[in-house]
PDB file of N, CA and C in Angstrom:
ATOM      1  N   MET A   1     -28.950  -4.595 -21.136  1.00  0.00           N
ATOM      2  CA  MET A   1     -27.687  -4.385 -20.485  1.00  0.00           C
ATOM      3  C   MET A   1     -27.900  -4.474 -18.964  1.00  0.00           C
ATOM      4  N   SER A   2     -27.025  -5.218 -18.288  1.00  0.00           N
ATOM      5  CA  SER A   2     -27.161  -5.348 -16.832  1.00  0.00           C
ATOM      6  C   SER A   2     -26.534  -4.158 -16.123  1.00  0.00           C
ATOM      7  N   GLN A   3     -27.027  -3.887 -14.946  1.00  0.00           N
ATOM      8  CA  GLN A   3     -26.561  -2.753 -14.163  1.00  0.00           C
ATOM      9  C   GLN A   3     -25.610  -3.250 -13.089  1.00  0.00           C
ATOM     10  N   CYS A   4     -24.563  -2.494 -12.862  1.00  0.00           N
ATOM     11  CA  CYS A   4     -23.574  -2.838 -11.844  1.00  0.00           C
ATOM     12  C   CYS A   4     -23.528  -1.703 -10.829  1.00  0.00           C
ATOM     13  N   ASP A   5     -23.557  -2.040  -9.561  1.00  0.00           N
ATOM     14  CA  ASP A   5     -23.442  -1.036  -8.511  1.00  0.00           C
ATOM     15  C   ASP A   5     -22.093  -1.168  -7.828  1.00  0.00           C
ATOM     16  N   PHE A   6     -21.456  -0.025  -7.602  1.00  0.00           N
ATOM     17  CA  PHE A   6     -20.186   0.015  -6.899  1.00  0.00           C
ATOM     18  C   PHE A   6     -20.355   0.830  -5.636  1.00  0.00           C
ATOM     19  N   SER A   7     -19.752   0.374  -4.579  1.00  0.00           N
ATOM     20  CA  SER A   7     -19.663   1.199  -3.381  1.00  0.00           C
ATOM     21  C   SER A   7     -18.236   1.110  -2.885  1.00  0.00           C
ATOM     22  N   PHE A   8     -17.748   2.197  -2.327  1.00  0.00           N
ATOM     23  CA  PHE A   8     -16.367   2.288  -1.905  1.00  0.00           C
ATOM     24  C   PHE A   8     -16.311   2.563  -0.410  1.00  0.00           C
ATOM     25  N   THR A   9     -15.281   2.031   0.205  1.00  0.00           N
ATOM     26  CA  THR A   9     -15.044   2.281   1.625  1.00  0.00           C
ATOM     27  C   THR A   9     -13.550   2.446   1.814  1.00  0.00           C
ATOM     28  N   GLN A  10     -13.154   2.969   2.940  1.00  0.00           N
ATOM     29  CA  GLN A  10     -11.736   3.091   3.216  1.00  0.00           C
ATOM     30  C   GLN A  10     -11.459   2.688   4.652  1.00  0.00           C
ATOM     31  N   GLY A  11     -10.229   2.327   4.894  1.00  0.00           N
ATOM     32  CA  GLY A  11      -9.822   1.908   6.219  1.00  0.00           C
ATOM     33  C   GLY A  11      -8.372   1.493   6.192  1.00  0.00           C
ATOM     34  N   THR A  12      -7.876   0.986   7.297  1.00  0.00           N
ATOM     35  CA  THR A  12      -6.509   0.503   7.342  1.00  0.00           C
ATOM     36  C   THR A  12      -6.414  -0.798   6.552  1.00  0.00           C
ATOM     37  N   SER A  13      -5.223  -1.172   6.198  1.00  0.00           N
ATOM     38  CA  SER A  13      -5.029  -2.416   5.455  1.00  0.00           C
ATOM     39  C   SER A  13      -5.573  -3.608   6.233  1.00  0.00           C
ATOM     40  N   LEU A  14      -5.340  -3.624   7.530  1.00  0.00           N
ATOM     41  CA  LEU A  14      -5.816  -4.731   8.356  1.00  0.00           C
ATOM     42  C   LEU A  14      -7.344  -4.789   8.377  1.00  0.00           C
ATOM     43  N   THR A  15      -8.000  -3.641   8.498  1.00  0.00           N
ATOM     44  CA  THR A  15      -9.462  -3.585   8.497  1.00  0.00           C
ATOM     45  C   THR A  15     -10.022  -4.051   7.158  1.00  0.00           C
ATOM     46  N   LEU A  16      -9.432  -3.567   6.062  1.00  0.00           N
ATOM     47  CA  LEU A  16      -9.897  -3.968   4.739  1.00  0.00           C
ATOM     48  C   LEU A  16      -9.703  -5.459   4.510  1.00  0.00           C
ATOM     49  N   LEU A  17      -8.598  -5.992   5.000  1.00  0.00           N
ATOM     50  CA  LEU A  17      -8.351  -7.423   4.854  1.00  0.00           C
ATOM     51  C   LEU A  17      -9.364  -8.250   5.652  1.00  0.00           C
ATOM     52  N   GLN A  18      -9.708  -7.789   6.834  1.00  0.00           N
ATOM     53  CA  GLN A  18     -10.722  -8.487   7.637  1.00  0.00           C
ATOM     54  C   GLN A  18     -12.080  -8.466   6.939  1.00  0.00           C
ATOM     55  N   GLU A  19     -12.437  -7.328   6.338  1.00  0.00           N
ATOM     56  CA  GLU A  19     -13.699  -7.232   5.603  1.00  0.00           C
ATOM     57  C   GLU A  19     -13.696  -8.134   4.371  1.00  0.00           C
ATOM     58  N   LEU A  20     -12.551  -8.241   3.713  1.00  0.00           N
ATOM     59  CA  LEU A  20     -12.430  -9.125   2.553  1.00  0.00           C
ATOM     60  C   LEU A  20     -12.624 -10.583   2.970  1.00  0.00           C
ATOM     61  N   LYS A  21     -11.989 -10.987   4.045  1.00  0.00           N
ATOM     62  CA  LYS A  21     -12.097 -12.365   4.525  1.00  0.00           C
ATOM     63  C   LYS A  21     -13.496 -12.682   5.032  1.00  0.00           C
ATOM     64  N   ALA A  22     -14.206 -11.668   5.541  1.00  0.00           N
ATOM     65  CA  ALA A  22     -15.569 -11.869   6.035  1.00  0.00           C
ATOM     66  C   ALA A  22     -16.601 -11.837   4.913  1.00  0.00           C
ATOM     67  N   GLY A  23     -16.167 -11.524   3.690  1.00  0.00           N
ATOM     68  CA  GLY A  23     -17.091 -11.484   2.560  1.00  0.00           C
ATOM     69  C   GLY A  23     -17.866 -10.187   2.449  1.00  0.00           C
ATOM     70  N   LYS A  24     -17.462  -9.154   3.201  1.00  0.00           N
ATOM     71  CA  LYS A  24     -18.156  -7.867   3.138  1.00  0.00           C
ATOM     72  C   LYS A  24     -17.758  -7.056   1.906  1.00  0.00           C
ATOM     73  N   VAL A  25     -16.555  -7.319   1.381  1.00  0.00           N
ATOM     74  CA  VAL A  25     -16.089  -6.648   0.159  1.00  0.00           C
ATOM     75  C   VAL A  25     -15.541  -7.705  -0.797  1.00  0.00           C
ATOM     76  N   ASP A  26     -15.518  -7.378  -2.086  1.00  0.00           N
ATOM     77  CA  ASP A  26     -15.015  -8.298  -3.101  1.00  0.00           C
ATOM     78  C   ASP A  26     -13.561  -8.029  -3.471  1.00  0.00           C
ATOM     79  N   LEU A  27     -13.092  -6.802  -3.244  1.00  0.00           N
ATOM     80  CA  LEU A  27     -11.748  -6.403  -3.627  1.00  0.00           C
ATOM     81  C   LEU A  27     -11.243  -5.400  -2.607  1.00  0.00           C
ATOM     82  N   ALA A  28      -9.995  -5.543  -2.196  1.00  0.00           N
ATOM     83  CA  ALA A  28      -9.392  -4.584  -1.266  1.00  0.00           C
ATOM     84  C   ALA A  28      -8.051  -4.148  -1.827  1.00  0.00           C
ATOM     85  N   ILE A  29      -7.835  -2.852  -1.893  1.00  0.00           N
ATOM     86  CA  ILE A  29      -6.542  -2.317  -2.291  1.00  0.00           C
ATOM     87  C   ILE A  29      -5.863  -1.871  -1.010  1.00  0.00           C
ATOM     88  N   CYS A  30      -4.825  -2.606  -0.634  1.00  0.00           N
ATOM     89  CA  CYS A  30      -4.178  -2.356   0.656  1.00  0.00           C
ATOM     90  C   CYS A  30      -2.710  -2.732   0.579  1.00  0.00           C
ATOM     91  N   SER A  31      -1.998  -2.517   1.661  1.00  0.00           N
ATOM     92  CA  SER A  31      -0.597  -2.911   1.754  1.00  0.00           C
ATOM     93  C   SER A  31      -0.489  -4.408   1.956  1.00  0.00           C
ATOM     94  N   TYR A  32       0.670  -4.939   1.597  1.00  0.00           N
ATOM     95  CA  TYR A  32       0.933  -6.364   1.802  1.00  0.00           C
ATOM     96  C   TYR A  32       0.987  -6.657   3.297  1.00  0.00           C
ATOM     97  N   ILE A  33       0.358  -7.729   3.697  1.00  0.00           N
ATOM     98  CA  ILE A  33       0.386  -8.185   5.084  1.00  0.00           C
ATOM     99  C   ILE A  33       0.898  -9.619   5.074  1.00  0.00           C
ATOM    100  N   ALA A  34       1.971  -9.863   5.803  1.00  0.00           N
ATOM    101  CA  ALA A  34       2.597 -11.185   5.822  1.00  0.00           C
ATOM    102  C   ALA A  34       1.702 -12.208   6.525  1.00  0.00           C
ATOM    103  N   ASP A  35       1.987 -13.461   6.274  1.00  0.00           N
ATOM    104  CA  ASP A  35       1.300 -14.592   6.913  1.00  0.00           C
ATOM    105  C   ASP A  35      -0.195 -14.619   6.626  1.00  0.00           C
ATOM    106  N   GLU A  36      -0.559 -14.351   5.392  1.00  0.00           N
ATOM    107  CA  GLU A  36      -1.956 -14.450   4.955  1.00  0.00           C
ATOM    108  C   GLU A  36      -2.018 -15.399   3.763  1.00  0.00           C
ATOM    109  N   PRO A  37      -1.916 -16.711   4.009  1.00  0.00           N
ATOM    110  CA  PRO A  37      -1.834 -17.668   2.892  1.00  0.00           C
ATOM    111  C   PRO A  37      -3.105 -17.771   2.042  1.00  0.00           C
ATOM    112  N   ASP A  38      -4.248 -17.335   2.552  1.00  0.00           N
ATOM    113  CA  ASP A  38      -5.501 -17.431   1.803  1.00  0.00           C
ATOM    114  C   ASP A  38      -5.771 -16.213   0.922  1.00  0.00           C
ATOM    115  N   ILE A  39      -4.895 -15.221   0.978  1.00  0.00           N
ATOM    116  CA  ILE A  39      -5.090 -13.975   0.236  1.00  0.00           C
ATOM    117  C   ILE A  39      -3.997 -13.846  -0.823  1.00  0.00           C
ATOM    118  N   ASP A  40      -4.393 -13.500  -2.048  1.00  0.00           N
ATOM    119  CA  ASP A  40      -3.434 -13.217  -3.112  1.00  0.00           C
ATOM    120  C   ASP A  40      -3.183 -11.709  -3.145  1.00  0.00           C
ATOM    121  N   PHE A  41      -1.949 -11.319  -2.915  1.00  0.00           N
ATOM    122  CA  PHE A  41      -1.554  -9.916  -2.999  1.00  0.00           C
ATOM    123  C   PHE A  41      -0.908  -9.694  -4.357  1.00  0.00           C
ATOM    124  N   ILE A  42      -1.450  -8.752  -5.127  1.00  0.00           N
ATOM    125  CA  ILE A  42      -0.944  -8.457  -6.467  1.00  0.00           C
ATOM    126  C   ILE A  42      -0.544  -6.980  -6.492  1.00  0.00           C
ATOM    127  N   PRO A  43       0.738  -6.677  -6.756  1.00  0.00           N
ATOM    128  CA  PRO A  43       1.167  -5.272  -6.789  1.00  0.00           C
ATOM    129  C   PRO A  43       0.446  -4.502  -7.896  1.00  0.00           C
ATOM    130  N   VAL A  44      -0.045  -3.305  -7.580  1.00  0.00           N
ATOM    131  CA  VAL A  44      -0.712  -2.475  -8.585  1.00  0.00           C
ATOM    132  C   VAL A  44       0.063  -1.191  -8.861  1.00  0.00           C
ATOM    133  N   ILE A  45       0.998  -0.831  -7.987  1.00  0.00           N
ATOM    134  CA  ILE A  45       1.808   0.371  -8.196  1.00  0.00           C
ATOM    135  C   ILE A  45       3.139   0.184  -7.488  1.00  0.00           C
ATOM    136  N   GLN A  46       4.176   0.767  -8.064  1.00  0.00           N
ATOM    137  CA  GLN A  46       5.500   0.742  -7.456  1.00  0.00           C
ATOM    138  C   GLN A  46       6.034   2.158  -7.516  1.00  0.00           C
ATOM    139  N   GLN A  47       6.583   2.645  -6.423  1.00  0.00           N
ATOM    140  CA  GLN A  47       7.061   4.015  -6.353  1.00  0.00           C
ATOM    141  C   GLN A  47       8.514   4.007  -5.894  1.00  0.00           C
ATOM    142  N   GLU A  48       9.388   4.684  -6.638  1.00  0.00           N
ATOM    143  CA  GLU A  48      10.777   4.789  -6.230  1.00  0.00           C
ATOM    144  C   GLU A  48      10.905   5.812  -5.113  1.00  0.00           C
ATOM    145  N   LEU A  49      11.864   5.593  -4.246  1.00  0.00           N
ATOM    146  CA  LEU A  49      12.157   6.529  -3.172  1.00  0.00           C
ATOM    147  C   LEU A  49      13.306   7.412  -3.625  1.00  0.00           C
ATOM    148  N   VAL A  50      13.103   8.718  -3.603  1.00  0.00           N
ATOM    149  CA  VAL A  50      14.121   9.669  -4.024  1.00  0.00           C
ATOM    150  C   VAL A  50      14.618  10.401  -2.787  1.00  0.00           C
ATOM    151  N   VAL A  51      15.939  10.411  -2.602  1.00  0.00           N
ATOM    152  CA  VAL A  51      16.555  11.026  -1.422  1.00  0.00           C
ATOM    153  C   VAL A  51      17.491  12.126  -1.874  1.00  0.00           C
ATOM    154  N   SER A  52      17.447  13.264  -1.205  1.00  0.00           N
ATOM    155  CA  SER A  52      18.312  14.386  -1.519  1.00  0.00           C
ATOM    156  C   SER A  52      19.773  14.029  -1.241  1.00  0.00           C
ATOM    157  N   ARG A  53      20.684  14.462  -2.119  1.00  0.00           N
ATOM    158  CA  ARG A  53      22.115  14.201  -1.901  1.00  0.00           C
ATOM    159  C   ARG A  53      22.656  15.015  -0.732  1.00  0.00           C
ATOM    160  N   GLN A  54      22.025  16.131  -0.403  1.00  0.00           N
ATOM    161  CA  GLN A  54      22.479  16.941   0.722  1.00  0.00           C
ATOM    162  C   GLN A  54      22.119  16.305   2.066  1.00  0.00           C
ATOM    163  N   ARG A  55      21.102  15.454   2.104  1.00  0.00           N
ATOM    164  CA  ARG A  55      20.660  14.830   3.354  1.00  0.00           C
ATOM    165  C   ARG A  55      20.559  13.333   3.161  1.00  0.00           C
ATOM    166  N   ILE A  56      21.698  12.725   2.938  1.00  0.00           N
ATOM    167  CA  ILE A  56      21.721  11.287   2.676  1.00  0.00           C
ATOM    168  C   ILE A  56      21.360  10.532   3.952  1.00  0.00           C
ATOM    169  N   ILE A  57      20.447   9.606   3.815  1.00  0.00           N
ATOM    170  CA  ILE A  57      20.071   8.736   4.923  1.00  0.00           C
ATOM    171  C   ILE A  57      20.942   7.489   4.809  1.00  0.00           C
ATOM    172  N   ARG A  58      21.602   7.145   5.881  1.00  0.00           N
ATOM    173  CA  ARG A  58      22.470   5.967   5.857  1.00  0.00           C
ATOM    174  C   ARG A  58      21.782   4.832   6.592  1.00  0.00           C
ATOM    175  N   TRP A  59      21.613   3.729   5.921  1.00  0.00           N
ATOM    176  CA  TRP A  59      21.021   2.549   6.535  1.00  0.00           C
ATOM    177  C   TRP A  59      21.934   1.345   6.321  1.00  0.00           C
ATOM    178  N   PRO A  60      21.839   0.363   7.165  1.00  0.00           N
ATOM    179  CA  PRO A  60      22.765  -0.778   7.114  1.00  0.00           C
ATOM    180  C   PRO A  60      22.420  -1.791   6.017  1.00  0.00           C
ATOM    181  N   GLY A  61      22.466  -1.366   4.751  1.00  0.00           N
ATOM    182  CA  GLY A  61      22.240  -2.289   3.655  1.00  0.00           C
ATOM    183  C   GLY A  61      20.784  -2.480   3.259  1.00  0.00           C
ATOM    184  N   TYR A  62      19.872  -2.029   4.056  1.00  0.00           N
ATOM    185  CA  TYR A  62      18.455  -2.156   3.727  1.00  0.00           C
ATOM    186  C   TYR A  62      17.697  -1.002   4.368  1.00  0.00           C
ATOM    187  N   MET A  63      16.452  -0.829   3.956  1.00  0.00           N
ATOM    188  CA  MET A  63      15.630   0.218   4.521  1.00  0.00           C
ATOM    189  C   MET A  63      14.229  -0.314   4.706  1.00  0.00           C
ATOM    190  N   ASN A  64      13.612   0.036   5.807  1.00  0.00           N
ATOM    191  CA  ASN A  64      12.195  -0.238   5.986  1.00  0.00           C
ATOM    192  C   ASN A  64      11.563   0.962   6.666  1.00  0.00           C
ATOM    193  N   MET A  65      10.264   1.017   6.657  1.00  0.00           N
ATOM    194  CA  MET A  65       9.578   2.194   7.184  1.00  0.00           C
ATOM    195  C   MET A  65       9.780   2.362   8.689  1.00  0.00           C
ATOM    196  N   LYS A  66      10.010   1.273   9.414  1.00  0.00           N
ATOM    197  CA  LYS A  66      10.257   1.390  10.858  1.00  0.00           C
ATOM    198  C   LYS A  66      11.547   2.160  11.135  1.00  0.00           C
ATOM    199  N   SER A  67      12.530   2.035  10.256  1.00  0.00           N
ATOM    200  CA  SER A  67      13.810   2.695  10.482  1.00  0.00           C
ATOM    201  C   SER A  67      13.793   4.177  10.094  1.00  0.00           C
ATOM    202  N   ILE A  68      12.780   4.627   9.351  1.00  0.00           N
ATOM    203  CA  ILE A  68      12.765   6.029   8.910  1.00  0.00           C
ATOM    204  C   ILE A  68      11.448   6.729   9.216  1.00  0.00           C
ATOM    205  N   TRP A  69      10.618   6.183  10.088  1.00  0.00           N
ATOM    206  CA  TRP A  69       9.282   6.740  10.338  1.00  0.00           C
ATOM    207  C   TRP A  69       9.320   8.170  10.841  1.00  0.00           C
ATOM    208  N   TRP A  70      10.378   8.567  11.489  1.00  0.00           N
ATOM    209  CA  TRP A  70      10.465   9.889  12.104  1.00  0.00           C
ATOM    210  C   TRP A  70      10.947  10.962  11.140  1.00  0.00           C
ATOM    211  N   ARG A  71      11.357  10.599   9.935  1.00  0.00           N
ATOM    212  CA  ARG A  71      11.844  11.579   8.966  1.00  0.00           C
ATOM    213  C   ARG A  71      10.686  12.218   8.200  1.00  0.00           C
ATOM    214  N   ARG A  72      10.905  13.425   7.710  1.00  0.00           N
ATOM    215  CA  ARG A  72       9.904  14.112   6.893  1.00  0.00           C
ATOM    216  C   ARG A  72      10.130  13.764   5.428  1.00  0.00           C
ATOM    217  N   PHE A  73       9.047  13.477   4.735  1.00  0.00           N
ATOM    218  CA  PHE A  73       9.121  13.147   3.317  1.00  0.00           C
ATOM    219  C   PHE A  73       8.069  13.933   2.551  1.00  0.00           C
ATOM    220  N   ILE A  74       8.389  14.228   1.321  1.00  0.00           N
ATOM    221  CA  ILE A  74       7.409  14.782   0.385  1.00  0.00           C
ATOM    222  C   ILE A  74       7.073  13.642  -0.560  1.00  0.00           C
ATOM    223  N   ILE A  75       5.812  13.295  -0.626  1.00  0.00           N
ATOM    224  CA  ILE A  75       5.396  12.152  -1.421  1.00  0.00           C
ATOM    225  C   ILE A  75       4.497  12.617  -2.550  1.00  0.00           C
ATOM    226  N   ARG A  76       4.823  12.184  -3.761  1.00  0.00           N
ATOM    227  CA  ARG A  76       3.986  12.480  -4.932  1.00  0.00           C
ATOM    228  C   ARG A  76       3.610  11.147  -5.540  1.00  0.00           C
ATOM    229  N   ILE A  77       2.341  10.886  -5.592  1.00  0.00           N
ATOM    230  CA  ILE A  77       1.861   9.628  -6.146  1.00  0.00           C
ATOM    231  C   ILE A  77       1.038   9.924  -7.392  1.00  0.00           C
ATOM    232  N   SER A  78       1.370   9.242  -8.461  1.00  0.00           N
ATOM    233  CA  SER A  78       0.616   9.374  -9.696  1.00  0.00           C
ATOM    234  C   SER A  78      -0.099   8.057  -9.959  1.00  0.00           C
ATOM    235  N   ILE A  79      -1.407   8.096 -10.082  1.00  0.00           N
ATOM    236  CA  ILE A  79      -2.140   6.863 -10.334  1.00  0.00           C
ATOM    237  C   ILE A  79      -2.229   6.551 -11.821  1.00  0.00           C
ATOM    238  N   PHE A  80      -1.808   7.494 -12.645  1.00  0.00           N
ATOM    239  CA  PHE A  80      -1.841   7.278 -14.079  1.00  0.00           C
ATOM    240  C   PHE A  80      -0.444   6.895 -14.543  1.00  0.00           C
ATOM    241  N   GLN A  81      -0.239   5.633 -14.833  1.00  0.00           N
ATOM    242  CA  GLN A  81       1.072   5.142 -15.262  1.00  0.00           C
ATOM    243  C   GLN A  81       1.258   5.400 -16.750  1.00  0.00           C
ATOM    244  N   LYS A  82       2.461   5.800 -17.131  1.00  0.00           N
ATOM    245  CA  LYS A  82       2.774   6.064 -18.538  1.00  0.00           C
ATOM    246  C   LYS A  82       3.322   4.828 -19.181  1.00  0.00           C
TER     247      LYS A  82
END
């Protein structure tokens, strides 16, 4: 039986992408970064955003993180999908 070694590192999405392109890592789990035609981004998790009815956030038809960065959120992430 052959032996496999794993090592893990962490960093920003941009740093991990640079390491992937430089051949320092084989796989990077990071956020999508636009204008990277040589990289295949495959979604591994999707999380719904839940907003309280008492504090409705109003946005002009769409939402992005730049428009709500200053708000407080409670985030629960489950890595085990049912």
